[in-house]
N, C-alpha and C. Protein backbone atom coordinates (compact mmCIF):
# COMPACT_ATOMS: atom_id res chain seq x y z
N MET A 1 154.06 204.95 365.12
CA MET A 1 154.06 204.27 364.09
C MET A 1 155.46 204.53 363.28
N ASN A 2 156.05 203.51 362.92
CA ASN A 2 157.16 203.76 362.18
C ASN A 2 157.17 203.35 360.69
N GLU A 3 156.01 203.61 360.03
CA GLU A 3 155.84 203.26 358.73
C GLU A 3 156.09 204.56 357.86
N THR A 4 156.63 204.30 356.53
CA THR A 4 156.76 205.43 355.78
C THR A 4 155.66 205.38 354.80
N TYR A 5 155.06 206.39 354.64
CA TYR A 5 153.89 206.71 353.79
C TYR A 5 154.27 207.34 352.42
N PRO A 6 153.66 206.93 351.44
CA PRO A 6 154.02 207.61 350.11
C PRO A 6 153.96 209.12 350.23
N LEU A 7 154.67 209.81 349.42
CA LEU A 7 154.82 211.24 349.39
C LEU A 7 153.32 211.69 348.96
N SER A 8 152.76 211.11 348.01
CA SER A 8 151.33 211.53 347.63
C SER A 8 150.23 211.62 348.92
N LEU A 9 150.41 210.65 349.67
CA LEU A 9 149.60 210.69 350.78
C LEU A 9 150.02 211.78 351.78
N ARG A 10 151.07 212.04 352.05
CA ARG A 10 151.65 212.91 353.03
C ARG A 10 151.27 214.36 352.52
N ILE A 11 151.49 214.72 351.25
CA ILE A 11 151.09 215.82 350.45
C ILE A 11 149.63 216.12 350.68
N ALA A 12 148.68 215.13 350.29
CA ALA A 12 147.16 215.34 350.45
C ALA A 12 146.92 215.69 351.84
N VAL A 13 147.34 214.96 352.71
CA VAL A 13 146.92 215.05 354.25
C VAL A 13 147.38 216.48 354.69
N ASP A 14 148.47 217.04 354.40
CA ASP A 14 149.06 218.14 354.80
C ASP A 14 148.26 219.33 354.08
N ALA A 15 147.97 219.07 352.97
CA ALA A 15 147.09 220.16 352.21
C ALA A 15 145.59 220.17 352.81
N LEU A 16 145.06 219.12 353.25
CA LEU A 16 143.69 219.10 353.80
C LEU A 16 143.83 219.73 355.20
N ARG A 17 144.77 219.30 355.95
CA ARG A 17 145.12 220.11 357.28
C ARG A 17 145.06 221.50 357.17
N ALA A 18 145.86 222.12 356.05
CA ALA A 18 146.05 223.47 355.97
C ALA A 18 144.82 224.22 355.61
N ARG A 19 143.82 223.64 355.00
CA ARG A 19 142.57 224.12 354.78
C ARG A 19 141.50 223.62 355.81
N LEU A 20 142.01 223.17 356.88
CA LEU A 20 140.98 223.01 358.04
C LEU A 20 139.92 221.79 357.63
N ALA A 21 140.21 220.77 356.94
CA ALA A 21 139.35 219.70 356.62
C ALA A 21 138.78 219.09 358.00
N GLU A 22 137.67 218.68 357.71
CA GLU A 22 137.06 218.16 359.22
C GLU A 22 136.95 216.64 358.98
N ASP A 23 136.88 215.90 360.06
CA ASP A 23 136.86 214.44 360.05
C ASP A 23 137.50 213.74 359.11
N LEU A 24 139.05 214.18 359.10
CA LEU A 24 140.03 213.42 358.15
C LEU A 24 140.27 212.00 358.55
N LYS A 25 140.05 211.17 357.70
CA LYS A 25 140.14 209.69 357.85
C LYS A 25 140.94 209.26 356.75
N ILE A 26 141.88 208.15 357.09
CA ILE A 26 142.65 207.52 355.93
C ILE A 26 142.38 205.96 356.13
N LEU A 27 142.13 205.22 355.08
CA LEU A 27 142.01 203.98 355.08
C LEU A 27 143.01 203.20 353.94
N TYR A 28 143.77 202.31 354.74
CA TYR A 28 144.62 201.54 353.85
C TYR A 28 143.64 200.54 353.14
N VAL A 29 143.40 200.56 351.92
CA VAL A 29 142.63 199.56 351.21
C VAL A 29 143.35 198.68 350.24
N ARG A 30 144.69 198.63 350.08
CA ARG A 30 145.32 197.75 349.33
C ARG A 30 145.02 196.40 349.44
N ASP A 31 144.92 195.83 350.69
CA ASP A 31 144.54 194.56 350.96
C ASP A 31 143.11 194.00 350.46
N VAL A 32 142.24 195.00 350.29
CA VAL A 32 140.89 194.74 350.05
C VAL A 32 140.51 195.35 348.89
N SER A 33 141.34 195.88 347.87
CA SER A 33 140.92 196.61 346.76
C SER A 33 141.94 196.60 345.66
N THR A 34 141.58 196.63 344.51
CA THR A 34 142.53 196.67 343.42
C THR A 34 142.82 198.08 342.91
N VAL A 35 141.82 198.88 343.34
CA VAL A 35 141.66 200.22 342.83
C VAL A 35 142.88 201.18 343.22
N THR A 36 143.41 201.09 344.50
CA THR A 36 144.23 201.94 345.07
C THR A 36 144.91 201.46 346.40
N ASP A 37 145.77 202.29 346.88
CA ASP A 37 146.36 201.68 348.20
C ASP A 37 145.79 202.51 349.47
N TYR A 38 145.25 203.75 349.10
CA TYR A 38 144.69 204.42 350.20
C TYR A 38 143.48 205.34 349.88
N PHE A 39 142.36 205.52 350.76
CA PHE A 39 141.53 206.45 350.40
C PHE A 39 141.70 207.26 351.56
N VAL A 40 141.62 208.60 351.25
CA VAL A 40 141.63 209.76 352.04
C VAL A 40 140.22 210.42 352.10
N LEU A 41 139.58 210.44 353.18
CA LEU A 41 138.25 211.11 353.30
C LEU A 41 138.28 212.34 354.12
N ALA A 42 137.58 213.31 353.61
CA ALA A 42 137.58 214.59 354.32
C ALA A 42 136.42 215.25 354.07
N THR A 43 135.81 215.89 355.18
CA THR A 43 134.60 216.64 354.97
C THR A 43 134.92 218.27 354.92
N GLY A 44 134.03 218.79 353.99
CA GLY A 44 134.09 220.29 354.20
C GLY A 44 132.71 220.82 354.43
N SER A 45 132.82 222.01 355.09
CA SER A 45 131.56 222.57 355.69
C SER A 45 130.62 223.27 354.69
N SER A 46 131.14 223.57 353.60
CA SER A 46 130.34 224.27 352.63
C SER A 46 130.77 224.17 351.28
N THR A 47 130.12 224.58 350.24
CA THR A 47 130.67 224.37 348.76
C THR A 47 131.94 225.22 348.62
N PRO A 48 132.16 226.45 349.11
CA PRO A 48 133.40 227.02 349.00
C PRO A 48 134.56 226.35 349.81
N HIS A 49 134.19 225.78 350.81
CA HIS A 49 135.18 224.95 351.63
C HIS A 49 135.61 223.72 350.90
N LEU A 50 134.62 223.05 350.27
CA LEU A 50 135.01 221.84 349.29
C LEU A 50 135.95 222.26 348.20
N HIS A 51 135.71 223.32 347.70
CA HIS A 51 136.48 223.83 346.68
C HIS A 51 137.97 224.19 347.12
N ALA A 52 137.99 224.86 348.27
CA ALA A 52 139.17 225.20 348.70
C ALA A 52 140.09 223.94 349.19
N LEU A 53 139.59 222.95 349.71
CA LEU A 53 140.11 221.63 350.07
C LEU A 53 140.61 220.99 348.78
N SER A 54 140.07 220.94 347.79
CA SER A 54 140.36 220.28 346.57
C SER A 54 141.54 221.15 345.84
N GLN A 55 141.09 222.46 345.88
CA GLN A 55 142.24 223.29 345.17
C GLN A 55 143.60 223.22 345.94
N GLU A 56 143.62 223.22 347.21
CA GLU A 56 144.81 223.01 348.01
C GLU A 56 145.43 221.72 347.64
N VAL A 57 144.79 220.84 347.78
CA VAL A 57 145.43 219.35 347.45
C VAL A 57 146.04 219.33 346.07
N ASP A 58 145.26 219.94 345.06
CA ASP A 58 145.81 220.05 343.72
C ASP A 58 147.06 220.89 343.54
N ILE A 59 146.99 222.08 344.12
CA ILE A 59 148.31 222.83 344.15
C ILE A 59 149.37 222.25 344.84
N ALA A 60 149.13 221.65 345.86
CA ALA A 60 150.32 220.84 346.57
C ALA A 60 150.82 219.71 345.75
N ARG A 61 149.97 219.01 344.98
CA ARG A 61 150.55 217.89 344.31
C ARG A 61 151.31 218.28 343.12
N LYS A 62 150.74 219.44 342.57
CA LYS A 62 151.62 220.10 341.46
C LYS A 62 152.98 220.59 341.93
N ASP A 63 152.88 221.18 343.01
CA ASP A 63 154.35 221.62 343.32
C ASP A 63 155.25 220.54 343.78
N ALA A 64 154.73 219.34 344.10
CA ALA A 64 155.61 218.31 344.44
C ALA A 64 155.71 217.46 343.31
N ARG A 65 155.06 217.89 342.09
CA ARG A 65 155.28 217.06 340.70
C ARG A 65 154.78 215.73 340.78
N ILE A 66 153.52 215.59 341.45
CA ILE A 66 152.91 214.45 341.49
C ILE A 66 151.78 214.39 340.47
N LYS A 67 151.75 213.24 339.79
CA LYS A 67 150.68 213.22 338.81
C LYS A 67 149.40 212.83 339.26
N MET A 68 148.31 213.57 338.81
CA MET A 68 146.77 213.03 339.20
C MET A 68 146.26 212.35 337.88
N THR A 69 145.66 211.14 338.18
CA THR A 69 145.21 210.38 337.24
C THR A 69 143.99 210.92 336.73
N ARG A 70 143.13 211.26 337.50
CA ARG A 70 141.73 212.09 337.25
C ARG A 70 141.21 212.63 338.32
N LYS A 71 140.49 213.51 337.90
CA LYS A 71 139.64 214.43 338.99
C LYS A 71 137.97 214.35 338.59
N GLY A 72 137.36 214.23 339.71
CA GLY A 72 135.84 214.18 339.29
C GLY A 72 135.04 214.88 340.32
N GLY A 73 133.74 215.01 339.85
CA GLY A 73 132.82 215.83 340.76
C GLY A 73 133.05 217.21 340.84
N GLY A 74 132.46 217.98 341.64
CA GLY A 74 132.53 219.39 341.75
C GLY A 74 131.93 219.80 343.20
N ALA A 75 132.50 221.01 343.53
CA ALA A 75 132.09 221.43 344.81
C ALA A 75 130.45 221.68 344.90
N GLN A 76 129.89 222.01 343.85
CA GLN A 76 128.48 222.14 343.85
C GLN A 76 127.76 220.76 343.87
N SER A 77 128.39 219.72 343.61
CA SER A 77 127.85 218.41 343.61
C SER A 77 127.91 217.72 345.14
N GLY A 78 128.67 218.51 346.12
CA GLY A 78 128.96 218.02 347.29
C GLY A 78 130.14 217.03 347.51
N TRP A 79 130.59 216.40 346.37
CA TRP A 79 131.59 215.34 346.40
C TRP A 79 132.81 215.59 345.24
N MET A 80 133.89 215.67 345.84
CA MET A 80 135.05 215.85 344.94
C MET A 80 135.93 214.59 344.99
N VAL A 81 136.41 214.10 344.00
CA VAL A 81 137.35 213.09 343.94
C VAL A 81 138.82 213.51 343.28
N LEU A 82 139.88 213.26 343.77
CA LEU A 82 141.00 213.47 343.18
C LEU A 82 141.69 211.90 343.33
N ASP A 83 142.14 211.48 341.98
CA ASP A 83 142.82 210.21 341.94
C ASP A 83 144.19 210.38 341.52
N PHE A 84 145.02 210.05 342.41
CA PHE A 84 146.44 210.00 342.09
C PHE A 84 146.95 208.68 341.94
N GLY A 85 146.26 207.75 341.81
CA GLY A 85 146.69 206.44 341.56
C GLY A 85 146.89 205.50 342.62
N ASP A 86 147.87 205.81 343.59
CA ASP A 86 148.10 205.20 344.75
C ASP A 86 147.24 205.71 345.94
N ILE A 87 146.77 206.83 345.72
CA ILE A 87 145.62 207.24 346.67
C ILE A 87 144.52 207.88 345.93
N ILE A 88 143.38 207.89 346.68
CA ILE A 88 142.22 208.63 346.02
C ILE A 88 141.61 209.53 347.25
N VAL A 89 141.44 210.86 346.96
CA VAL A 89 141.02 211.75 347.87
C VAL A 89 139.63 211.97 347.68
N HIS A 90 138.75 211.84 348.64
CA HIS A 90 137.25 212.11 348.67
C HIS A 90 136.94 213.27 349.61
N VAL A 91 136.54 214.40 349.01
CA VAL A 91 136.22 215.72 349.71
C VAL A 91 134.73 215.73 349.69
N MET A 92 134.02 215.56 350.67
CA MET A 92 132.57 215.44 350.77
C MET A 92 131.83 216.52 351.62
N THR A 93 130.53 216.79 351.44
CA THR A 93 129.80 217.45 352.60
C THR A 93 129.51 216.58 353.68
N PRO A 94 129.06 216.95 354.80
CA PRO A 94 128.69 215.97 355.85
C PRO A 94 127.36 215.19 355.40
N GLU A 95 126.62 215.71 354.74
CA GLU A 95 125.37 214.99 354.40
C GLU A 95 125.75 213.89 353.44
N LEU A 96 126.64 214.14 352.39
CA LEU A 96 127.02 212.99 351.53
C LEU A 96 127.95 212.10 351.96
N ARG A 97 128.83 212.48 353.16
CA ARG A 97 129.60 211.61 353.68
C ARG A 97 128.84 210.57 354.47
N GLU A 98 127.85 211.16 355.21
CA GLU A 98 126.95 210.27 356.05
C GLU A 98 126.18 209.26 355.23
N PHE A 99 125.54 209.80 354.06
CA PHE A 99 124.89 208.98 353.00
C PHE A 99 125.44 207.86 352.57
N TYR A 100 126.62 208.11 352.04
CA TYR A 100 127.37 207.09 351.31
C TYR A 100 128.34 206.21 352.24
N ALA A 101 128.67 206.80 353.34
CA ALA A 101 129.13 205.97 354.42
C ALA A 101 130.36 205.13 354.05
N LEU A 102 131.42 205.85 353.31
CA LEU A 102 132.55 204.98 352.75
C LEU A 102 133.28 204.19 353.83
N GLU A 103 133.27 204.78 354.92
CA GLU A 103 134.10 204.00 355.97
C GLU A 103 133.42 202.77 356.28
N GLN A 104 132.03 202.69 356.27
CA GLN A 104 131.22 201.39 356.40
C GLN A 104 131.48 200.65 355.20
N LEU A 105 131.40 201.03 354.12
CA LEU A 105 131.34 200.31 352.84
C LEU A 105 132.90 199.60 352.75
N TRP A 106 133.97 200.23 353.25
CA TRP A 106 135.39 199.72 353.43
C TRP A 106 135.68 199.34 354.68
N SER A 107 134.80 198.80 355.50
CA SER A 107 135.10 198.47 356.97
C SER A 107 136.25 197.37 357.06
N ASP A 108 136.55 196.73 355.92
CA ASP A 108 137.57 195.77 356.05
C ASP A 108 139.05 196.25 355.89
N ALA A 109 138.95 197.65 355.60
CA ALA A 109 140.23 198.22 355.32
C ALA A 109 140.73 198.68 356.88
N LYS A 110 142.17 198.71 356.83
CA LYS A 110 142.95 199.19 357.88
C LYS A 110 142.74 200.63 357.96
N THR A 111 142.50 201.15 359.25
CA THR A 111 142.38 202.54 359.40
C THR A 111 143.80 203.06 359.85
N VAL A 112 144.19 204.16 359.27
CA VAL A 112 145.51 204.76 359.57
C VAL A 112 145.35 206.02 360.31
N ASP A 113 146.02 206.17 361.42
CA ASP A 113 145.82 207.36 362.17
C ASP A 113 146.37 208.63 361.36
N ALA A 114 145.63 209.49 361.23
CA ALA A 114 145.79 210.61 360.33
C ALA A 114 147.01 211.49 361.09
N ASP A 115 146.99 211.56 362.52
CA ASP A 115 148.09 212.21 363.11
C ASP A 115 149.48 211.58 362.88
N SER A 116 149.34 210.20 362.34
CA SER A 116 150.85 209.66 362.17
C SER A 116 151.41 210.04 360.89
N ILE A 117 150.66 210.76 360.08
CA ILE A 117 151.12 211.14 358.69
C ILE A 117 151.76 212.49 358.77
N GLN A 118 152.90 212.57 358.68
CA GLN A 118 153.58 213.89 358.50
C GLN A 118 154.27 214.23 357.23
N LEU A 119 154.30 215.31 356.66
CA LEU A 119 154.81 215.74 355.36
C LEU A 119 156.27 215.59 355.38
N ASN A 120 157.08 215.94 356.33
CA ASN A 120 158.39 215.52 356.38
C ASN A 120 158.82 214.49 357.25
N GLU A 121 158.90 213.26 356.77
CA GLU A 121 159.24 212.02 357.62
C GLU A 121 160.78 211.93 357.61
N ASP A 122 161.29 211.83 358.69
CA ASP A 122 162.79 211.73 358.88
C ASP A 122 163.21 210.30 358.80
C-alpha cells in the first residue's frame, strides 16, 4: 500500500507493537464518522498489560510532541481510550473487546492492514 498515514497513527501503532499488543486492528472511520479518522483497537492480556500499552502510547506521543485531546478509562476498568483528535486508541481486555465488538459496530469502516503502517515511512 502506497498510502501515507498520519504520524499520530504511526506512533501509536509502533508503541503498541513495542509492548506486544494483541489483535491489533486499525479502522479508517473518516467516511462513516465525524468523530475521528482512525480507530486503533488493541487487546491487553491483563490489567498491568493494559496499563503498559497505554503508557507506551502516551510516552511515544509526548516524545513526538503530539497533542492528546483526552484520555479516558483506566486499566482497572478493562478499557482505556487515548484520543489524539485524528486517531482514537482503544486498549481493552479480551472480554470487553468481545462484548463491545467495536469492529462489528463500525463494520462500514475500511480496515487498514496494521502491517502496512511503519513508523518511518520513506
